[in-house]
N, C-alpha and C. Protein backbone atom coordinates (compact mmCIF):
# COMPACT_ATOMS: atom_id res chain seq x y z
N UNK A 1 32.97 115.36 117.76
CA UNK A 1 33.78 115.83 118.74
C UNK A 1 35.05 116.04 118.50
N UNK A 2 35.69 117.26 118.45
CA UNK A 2 37.01 117.54 118.10
C UNK A 2 37.94 117.70 119.31
N UNK A 3 39.19 117.30 118.99
CA UNK A 3 40.34 117.47 120.21
C UNK A 3 41.10 118.44 119.57
N UNK A 4 41.64 119.26 120.45
CA UNK A 4 42.65 120.30 120.03
C UNK A 4 44.02 119.99 120.41
N UNK A 5 44.19 119.00 121.19
CA UNK A 5 45.49 118.69 121.79
C UNK A 5 45.93 117.36 121.26
N UNK A 6 47.14 116.86 121.50
CA UNK A 6 47.59 115.54 121.03
C UNK A 6 46.84 114.49 121.91
N UNK A 7 46.78 113.28 121.36
CA UNK A 7 46.06 112.12 122.01
C UNK A 7 47.07 111.66 123.25
N UNK A 8 46.54 110.86 124.02
CA UNK A 8 47.16 110.29 125.31
C UNK A 8 48.34 109.35 124.67
N UNK A 9 48.13 108.67 123.65
CA UNK A 9 49.15 107.88 123.06
C UNK A 9 50.30 108.56 122.43
N UNK A 10 49.97 109.66 121.83
CA UNK A 10 51.13 110.62 121.27
C UNK A 10 51.88 111.31 122.33
N UNK A 11 51.18 111.72 123.27
CA UNK A 11 51.81 112.33 124.35
C UNK A 11 52.75 111.36 125.09
N UNK A 12 52.22 110.28 125.47
CA UNK A 12 53.13 109.38 126.29
C UNK A 12 54.23 108.93 125.44
N UNK A 13 54.05 108.62 124.08
CA UNK A 13 55.35 108.17 123.26
C UNK A 13 56.26 109.27 123.06
N UNK A 14 55.88 110.49 122.97
CA UNK A 14 56.78 111.76 122.80
C UNK A 14 57.39 112.02 123.98
N UNK A 15 56.82 111.80 125.12
CA UNK A 15 57.40 112.07 126.42
C UNK A 15 58.34 111.01 126.68
N UNK A 16 58.04 109.73 126.52
CA UNK A 16 58.94 108.67 126.58
C UNK A 16 60.39 108.77 125.82
N UNK A 17 60.06 109.11 124.62
CA UNK A 17 61.37 109.31 123.84
C UNK A 17 62.20 110.53 124.31
N UNK A 18 61.53 111.56 124.62
CA UNK A 18 62.41 112.76 125.25
C UNK A 18 62.98 112.36 126.55
N UNK A 19 62.33 111.49 127.33
CA UNK A 19 62.86 111.04 128.63
C UNK A 19 64.11 110.06 128.31
N UNK A 20 63.95 109.35 127.31
CA UNK A 20 64.92 108.20 126.89
C UNK A 20 66.11 108.90 126.34
N UNK A 21 65.99 109.83 125.24
CA UNK A 21 67.08 110.14 124.50
C UNK A 21 67.40 111.81 124.70
N UNK A 22 66.58 112.39 125.48
CA UNK A 22 66.74 113.82 125.63
C UNK A 22 65.96 114.63 124.58
N UNK A 23 65.88 115.99 124.92
CA UNK A 23 65.24 116.70 123.89
C UNK A 23 66.38 117.27 122.83
N UNK A 24 65.78 117.48 121.50
CA UNK A 24 66.62 117.90 120.47
C UNK A 24 66.91 119.35 120.65
N UNK A 25 68.17 119.76 120.55
CA UNK A 25 68.60 121.17 120.79
C UNK A 25 68.63 121.79 119.38
N UNK A 26 67.95 122.76 119.14
CA UNK A 26 68.00 123.49 117.93
C UNK A 26 68.27 125.11 118.13
N UNK A 27 68.99 125.61 117.11
CA UNK A 27 69.00 126.91 117.13
C UNK A 27 67.65 127.61 116.70
N UNK A 28 67.46 128.65 117.01
CA UNK A 28 66.19 129.28 116.86
C UNK A 28 65.98 129.47 115.26
N UNK A 29 67.22 129.97 114.61
CA UNK A 29 67.20 130.28 113.22
C UNK A 29 67.40 129.00 112.36
N UNK A 30 67.68 127.84 112.92
CA UNK A 30 67.72 126.49 112.26
C UNK A 30 69.21 126.55 111.47
N UNK A 31 70.12 127.53 111.69
CA UNK A 31 71.52 127.44 110.94
C UNK A 31 72.55 127.06 111.90
N UNK A 32 73.61 126.23 111.22
CA UNK A 32 74.72 125.83 111.95
C UNK A 32 75.55 126.91 112.88
N UNK A 33 76.01 126.52 113.88
CA UNK A 33 76.68 127.37 114.76
C UNK A 33 77.97 128.09 114.28
N UNK A 34 78.46 129.11 114.71
CA UNK A 34 79.71 129.72 114.25
C UNK A 34 80.87 128.75 114.60
N UNK A 35 80.89 128.07 115.69
CA UNK A 35 82.08 127.22 116.09
C UNK A 35 82.01 126.11 115.02
N UNK A 36 81.03 125.69 114.52
CA UNK A 36 81.09 124.50 113.49
C UNK A 36 81.59 124.92 112.15
N UNK A 37 81.38 126.22 111.80
CA UNK A 37 81.88 126.81 110.56
C UNK A 37 83.36 127.03 110.70
N UNK A 38 83.86 127.45 111.87
CA UNK A 38 85.25 127.75 111.95
C UNK A 38 86.01 126.49 112.12
N UNK A 39 85.45 125.26 112.74
CA UNK A 39 86.16 123.98 112.74
C UNK A 39 86.07 123.51 111.29
N UNK A 40 85.11 123.55 110.52
CA UNK A 40 85.18 123.02 109.12
C UNK A 40 86.04 123.76 108.34
N UNK A 41 86.29 125.17 108.34
CA UNK A 41 87.28 125.91 107.83
C UNK A 41 88.68 125.48 108.08
N UNK A 42 89.00 125.38 109.29
CA UNK A 42 90.23 124.97 109.78
C UNK A 42 90.62 123.63 109.36
N UNK A 43 89.75 122.62 109.32
CA UNK A 43 89.91 121.30 108.78
C UNK A 43 90.25 121.40 107.42
N UNK A 44 89.49 122.14 106.52
CA UNK A 44 89.84 122.35 105.21
C UNK A 44 91.21 122.91 104.89
N UNK A 45 91.54 123.90 105.60
CA UNK A 45 92.90 124.62 105.40
C UNK A 45 94.04 123.66 105.78
N UNK A 46 93.75 122.86 106.74
CA UNK A 46 94.77 121.76 107.14
C UNK A 46 94.77 120.67 106.09
N UNK A 47 93.79 120.40 105.64
CA UNK A 47 93.86 119.40 104.48
C UNK A 47 94.59 119.93 103.16
N UNK A 48 94.22 121.21 102.73
CA UNK A 48 95.07 121.94 101.73
C UNK A 48 96.60 121.89 102.02
N UNK A 49 96.86 122.48 103.24
CA UNK A 49 98.22 122.53 103.51
C UNK A 49 99.08 121.17 103.63
N UNK A 50 98.35 120.15 104.05
CA UNK A 50 99.00 118.82 104.00
C UNK A 50 99.23 118.22 102.63
N UNK A 51 98.24 118.54 101.69
CA UNK A 51 98.28 118.19 100.25
C UNK A 51 99.46 118.96 99.60
N UNK A 52 99.65 120.06 100.09
CA UNK A 52 100.78 120.96 99.42
C UNK A 52 102.13 120.51 99.75
N UNK A 53 102.13 120.20 101.07
CA UNK A 53 103.55 119.66 101.55
C UNK A 53 103.81 118.29 100.96
N UNK A 54 102.93 117.50 100.80
CA UNK A 54 103.03 116.05 100.23
C UNK A 54 103.48 116.21 98.86
N UNK A 55 102.86 117.11 98.02
CA UNK A 55 103.23 117.43 96.63
C UNK A 55 104.60 118.02 96.45
N UNK A 56 104.98 118.93 97.47
CA UNK A 56 106.42 119.43 97.34
C UNK A 56 107.39 118.49 97.52
N UNK A 57 107.10 117.54 98.60
CA UNK A 57 108.23 116.52 98.93
C UNK A 57 108.28 115.43 97.95
N UNK A 58 107.34 115.07 97.34
CA UNK A 58 107.29 113.88 96.28
C UNK A 58 107.20 114.42 94.94
N UNK A 59 107.30 115.57 94.61
CA UNK A 59 107.32 116.06 93.24
C UNK A 59 108.48 115.99 92.40
N UNK A 60 109.74 116.11 92.98
CA UNK A 60 110.90 115.91 92.30
C UNK A 60 111.98 115.13 93.09
N UNK A 61 111.99 113.69 92.75
CA UNK A 61 112.95 112.81 93.47
C UNK A 61 114.32 113.19 93.06
N UNK A 62 115.34 112.89 93.86
CA UNK A 62 116.72 113.25 93.75
C UNK A 62 117.17 112.32 92.48
N UNK A 63 116.77 111.16 92.21
CA UNK A 63 117.26 110.45 91.09
C UNK A 63 116.02 109.50 90.44
N UNK A 64 116.05 109.44 89.16
CA UNK A 64 115.08 108.56 88.48
C UNK A 64 115.60 108.01 87.21
N UNK A 65 115.18 106.97 86.85
CA UNK A 65 115.65 106.05 85.67
C UNK A 65 114.41 105.92 84.65
N UNK A 66 114.95 105.79 83.38
CA UNK A 66 114.03 105.75 82.40
C UNK A 66 114.45 104.57 81.55
N UNK A 67 113.83 103.40 81.37
CA UNK A 67 114.23 102.25 80.51
C UNK A 67 114.11 102.81 79.14
N UNK A 68 115.24 102.42 78.24
CA UNK A 68 115.31 102.82 76.95
C UNK A 68 115.15 101.67 75.92
N UNK A 69 116.00 100.58 76.35
CA UNK A 69 116.02 99.38 75.38
C UNK A 69 116.59 98.17 76.17
N UNK A 70 116.51 97.04 75.33
CA UNK A 70 116.73 95.74 76.03
C UNK A 70 117.35 94.93 74.69
N UNK A 71 118.47 94.29 74.85
CA UNK A 71 119.13 93.63 73.83
C UNK A 71 119.70 92.13 74.37
N UNK A 72 119.17 91.06 73.69
CA UNK A 72 119.63 89.78 74.12
C UNK A 72 120.68 89.38 73.08
N UNK A 73 121.88 89.36 73.56
CA UNK A 73 123.07 88.83 72.72
C UNK A 73 123.06 87.28 72.50
N UNK A 74 122.76 86.63 73.50
CA UNK A 74 122.68 85.19 73.54
C UNK A 74 121.74 84.74 74.68
N UNK A 75 121.44 83.32 74.86
CA UNK A 75 120.53 83.04 75.93
C UNK A 75 121.12 83.44 77.35
N UNK A 76 122.27 83.58 77.52
CA UNK A 76 122.83 83.83 78.87
C UNK A 76 123.57 85.19 78.99
N UNK A 77 123.35 86.08 78.00
CA UNK A 77 123.93 87.38 78.21
C UNK A 77 122.75 88.57 77.57
N UNK A 78 122.63 89.61 78.40
CA UNK A 78 121.65 90.59 77.96
C UNK A 78 122.35 92.02 78.14
N UNK A 79 121.84 92.91 77.56
CA UNK A 79 122.12 94.37 77.68
C UNK A 79 121.02 95.40 77.95
N UNK A 80 121.08 96.03 78.94
CA UNK A 80 119.95 97.01 79.14
C UNK A 80 120.27 98.42 78.89
N UNK A 81 119.59 99.09 78.22
CA UNK A 81 119.87 100.71 77.91
C UNK A 81 118.87 101.43 78.86
N UNK A 82 119.41 102.39 79.50
CA UNK A 82 118.61 103.32 80.20
C UNK A 82 119.23 104.71 80.44
N UNK A 83 118.38 105.64 80.89
CA UNK A 83 118.82 106.91 81.22
C UNK A 83 118.59 107.30 82.59
N UNK A 84 119.50 108.07 83.22
CA UNK A 84 119.41 108.37 84.61
C UNK A 84 119.30 109.95 84.72
N UNK A 85 118.47 110.30 85.64
CA UNK A 85 118.31 111.67 85.78
C UNK A 85 118.60 112.05 87.24
N UNK A 86 119.63 112.93 87.42
CA UNK A 86 120.12 113.23 88.78
C UNK A 86 120.91 114.56 88.67
N UNK A 87 121.41 115.02 89.89
CA UNK A 87 122.21 116.16 89.96
C UNK A 87 123.45 115.76 89.37
N UNK A 88 124.13 116.46 88.50
CA UNK A 88 125.39 116.14 87.89
C UNK A 88 126.64 115.72 88.79
N UNK A 89 126.55 116.36 90.19
CA UNK A 89 127.63 116.26 91.13
C UNK A 89 127.30 114.91 92.09
N UNK A 90 126.04 114.26 91.87
CA UNK A 90 125.84 113.19 92.80
C UNK A 90 126.34 111.89 92.18
N UNK A 91 126.51 110.96 93.11
CA UNK A 91 126.73 109.54 92.68
C UNK A 91 125.47 108.73 93.22
N UNK A 92 124.95 107.88 92.23
CA UNK A 92 123.83 106.97 92.36
C UNK A 92 124.22 105.67 92.06
N UNK A 93 123.37 104.73 92.63
CA UNK A 93 123.42 103.35 92.33
C UNK A 93 122.11 102.89 91.68
N UNK A 94 122.09 102.15 90.75
CA UNK A 94 120.90 101.51 90.08
C UNK A 94 120.93 99.91 90.05
N UNK A 95 119.79 99.51 90.45
CA UNK A 95 119.67 98.06 90.28
C UNK A 95 119.03 97.76 88.99
N UNK A 96 119.63 97.00 88.20
CA UNK A 96 119.18 96.52 86.79
C UNK A 96 118.98 95.11 86.85
N UNK A 97 117.81 94.71 86.13
CA UNK A 97 117.21 93.23 86.18
C UNK A 97 116.94 92.87 84.90
N UNK A 98 116.89 91.60 84.58
CA UNK A 98 116.39 90.84 83.43
C UNK A 98 115.27 89.88 83.98
N UNK A 99 114.28 89.93 83.20
CA UNK A 99 113.15 88.96 83.57
C UNK A 99 112.88 87.91 82.55
N UNK A 100 112.44 86.76 82.85
CA UNK A 100 112.07 85.73 81.88
C UNK A 100 110.51 85.81 81.63
N UNK A 101 109.95 84.96 80.79
CA UNK A 101 108.43 85.00 80.55
C UNK A 101 107.51 84.75 81.64
N UNK A 102 108.09 84.24 82.75
CA UNK A 102 107.11 84.18 83.91
C UNK A 102 107.36 85.32 84.91
N UNK A 103 108.18 86.37 84.50
CA UNK A 103 108.42 87.59 85.22
C UNK A 103 109.40 87.17 86.47
N UNK A 104 109.98 86.21 86.33
CA UNK A 104 111.08 85.81 87.39
C UNK A 104 112.34 86.55 86.97
N UNK A 105 113.15 87.01 88.01
CA UNK A 105 114.43 87.68 87.88
C UNK A 105 115.46 86.68 87.38
N UNK A 106 116.06 86.71 86.22
CA UNK A 106 117.10 85.79 85.68
C UNK A 106 118.53 86.42 85.74
N UNK A 107 118.41 87.74 85.78
CA UNK A 107 119.80 88.47 85.93
C UNK A 107 119.66 89.87 86.69
N UNK A 108 120.65 89.99 87.42
CA UNK A 108 120.63 91.20 88.45
C UNK A 108 121.97 91.78 88.51
N UNK A 109 122.06 93.15 88.53
CA UNK A 109 123.40 93.77 88.74
C UNK A 109 123.17 95.13 89.24
N UNK A 110 123.91 95.60 90.39
CA UNK A 110 123.83 97.00 90.76
C UNK A 110 124.92 97.72 90.17
N UNK A 111 124.57 98.90 89.51
CA UNK A 111 125.76 99.68 88.90
C UNK A 111 125.81 101.12 89.44
N UNK A 112 127.09 101.52 89.52
CA UNK A 112 127.40 102.82 90.10
C UNK A 112 127.41 104.03 88.99
N UNK A 113 126.59 104.97 89.13
CA UNK A 113 126.62 106.02 88.18
C UNK A 113 127.15 107.13 88.83
N UNK A 114 128.38 107.61 88.46
CA UNK A 114 129.13 108.62 89.30
C UNK A 114 128.88 109.84 88.74
N UNK A 115 129.51 110.90 89.26
CA UNK A 115 129.39 112.28 88.96
C UNK A 115 129.73 112.38 87.55
N UNK A 116 129.14 113.65 86.94
CA UNK A 116 129.51 113.90 85.33
C UNK A 116 129.69 115.33 85.35
N UNK A 117 130.26 115.71 84.20
CA UNK A 117 130.32 117.11 83.86
C UNK A 117 129.15 117.73 83.35
N UNK A 118 128.90 118.95 83.49
CA UNK A 118 127.86 119.60 83.10
C UNK A 118 127.39 119.61 81.63
N UNK A 119 128.45 119.56 80.72
CA UNK A 119 128.30 119.29 79.34
C UNK A 119 128.21 117.89 78.76
N UNK A 120 128.17 116.91 79.88
CA UNK A 120 128.05 115.60 79.40
C UNK A 120 126.54 115.18 79.61
N UNK A 121 125.89 114.45 78.49
CA UNK A 121 124.60 114.15 78.64
C UNK A 121 123.77 115.42 78.20
N UNK A 122 122.36 115.36 78.66
CA UNK A 122 121.38 116.33 78.33
C UNK A 122 120.96 117.07 79.49
N UNK A 123 120.35 118.10 79.21
CA UNK A 123 119.85 118.97 80.37
C UNK A 123 120.80 119.42 81.24
N UNK A 124 122.07 119.89 80.84
CA UNK A 124 123.13 120.43 81.64
C UNK A 124 123.81 119.41 82.50
N UNK A 125 123.75 118.12 82.05
CA UNK A 125 124.37 117.01 82.58
C UNK A 125 123.61 116.29 83.57
N UNK A 126 122.29 116.58 83.70
CA UNK A 126 121.34 115.90 84.68
C UNK A 126 120.77 114.59 84.03
N UNK A 127 120.75 114.48 82.79
CA UNK A 127 120.26 113.24 82.16
C UNK A 127 121.40 112.55 81.53
N UNK A 128 121.86 111.32 81.82
CA UNK A 128 122.89 110.64 81.09
C UNK A 128 122.46 109.29 80.67
N UNK A 129 123.03 108.68 79.60
CA UNK A 129 122.66 107.48 78.96
C UNK A 129 123.62 106.33 79.41
N UNK A 130 123.15 105.06 79.62
CA UNK A 130 124.04 104.15 80.13
C UNK A 130 123.57 102.71 79.60
N UNK A 131 124.47 101.91 79.44
CA UNK A 131 124.21 100.48 78.97
C UNK A 131 124.92 99.52 79.86
N UNK A 132 124.26 98.65 80.35
CA UNK A 132 124.77 97.63 81.32
C UNK A 132 124.70 96.22 80.70
N UNK A 133 125.83 95.55 80.66
CA UNK A 133 125.80 94.04 80.29
C UNK A 133 125.50 93.20 81.36
N UNK A 134 124.65 92.20 81.24
CA UNK A 134 124.40 91.29 82.43
C UNK A 134 124.48 89.86 81.93
N UNK A 135 124.88 88.97 82.82
CA UNK A 135 124.85 87.59 82.61
C UNK A 135 123.58 86.95 83.26
N UNK A 136 122.97 86.06 82.63
CA UNK A 136 121.63 85.69 83.06
C UNK A 136 121.74 84.08 83.23
N UNK A 137 120.83 83.69 84.20
CA UNK A 137 120.61 82.25 84.45
C UNK A 137 120.01 81.46 83.39
N UNK A 138 119.02 82.27 82.81
CA UNK A 138 118.34 81.58 81.51
C UNK A 138 117.90 82.72 80.66
N UNK A 139 117.30 82.37 79.55
CA UNK A 139 117.03 83.34 78.65
C UNK A 139 115.97 84.33 79.20
N UNK A 140 116.25 85.68 78.88
CA UNK A 140 115.45 86.71 79.33
C UNK A 140 114.60 87.17 78.30
N UNK A 141 113.53 87.94 78.55
CA UNK A 141 112.62 88.44 77.54
C UNK A 141 112.47 89.97 77.70
N UNK A 142 112.78 90.49 78.87
CA UNK A 142 112.80 91.90 79.05
C UNK A 142 113.85 92.41 80.06
N UNK A 143 114.22 93.61 80.10
CA UNK A 143 115.14 93.99 81.18
C UNK A 143 114.92 95.45 81.39
N UNK A 144 115.22 96.02 82.60
CA UNK A 144 115.21 97.43 82.93
C UNK A 144 115.61 97.71 84.28
N UNK A 145 115.57 98.99 84.58
CA UNK A 145 116.01 99.45 86.02
C UNK A 145 114.91 99.19 86.98
N UNK A 146 115.25 98.36 88.14
CA UNK A 146 114.29 98.29 89.12
C UNK A 146 114.20 99.49 89.99
N UNK A 147 115.30 100.06 90.29
CA UNK A 147 115.28 101.30 91.24
C UNK A 147 116.67 101.86 91.24
N UNK A 148 116.64 103.10 91.62
CA UNK A 148 117.94 103.96 91.76
C UNK A 148 117.94 104.68 93.17
N UNK A 149 119.04 105.00 93.65
CA UNK A 149 119.22 105.80 94.85
C UNK A 149 120.40 106.50 95.06
N UNK A 150 120.49 107.68 95.62
CA UNK A 150 121.62 108.47 95.70
C UNK A 150 122.64 107.79 96.86
N UNK A 151 123.85 107.71 96.65
CA UNK A 151 124.75 107.38 97.62
C UNK A 151 125.56 108.31 98.17
N UNK A 152 125.87 109.45 97.20
CA UNK A 152 126.71 110.52 97.74
C UNK A 152 126.05 111.82 96.89
N UNK A 153 125.61 112.83 97.54
CA UNK A 153 124.96 113.88 96.83
C UNK A 153 125.97 114.91 96.35
N UNK A 154 127.37 114.78 96.50
CA UNK A 154 128.29 115.52 95.89
C UNK A 154 128.59 116.75 96.77
N UNK A 155 128.05 116.87 98.02
CA UNK A 155 128.38 117.99 98.82
C UNK A 155 129.24 117.72 99.88
């Protein structure tokens, strides 16, 4: 005896699932809709534009510092050598620190880097070299610039 239709159990379970969750809506050709493609393209374009804005804003900071050297003249005095890159007309301040073996700050000084002539330093006056002498609480093992910021952009 052959049956051509679904069994009673299959029909009742299929019907109960459709009643419970609703029938699945499918396009006749099985492809995603045009609205979904447009939304995906718009989201991708927005992500690319956001990445471009982020890169443009963070790509060239107004001031940066590069540690060059550290010299310990005695257990309570140190010298830190560094380079500052900024607009020659701008005034910057840099926080210079000396650390001990446990990475604790044992010396700290904020120095002002004023405007300079275009012929001073390198890269048309954008890069200048500096040495800062610091007193320390105890013997340091390393030193460098913690951060720099612009206080007057010269305009």
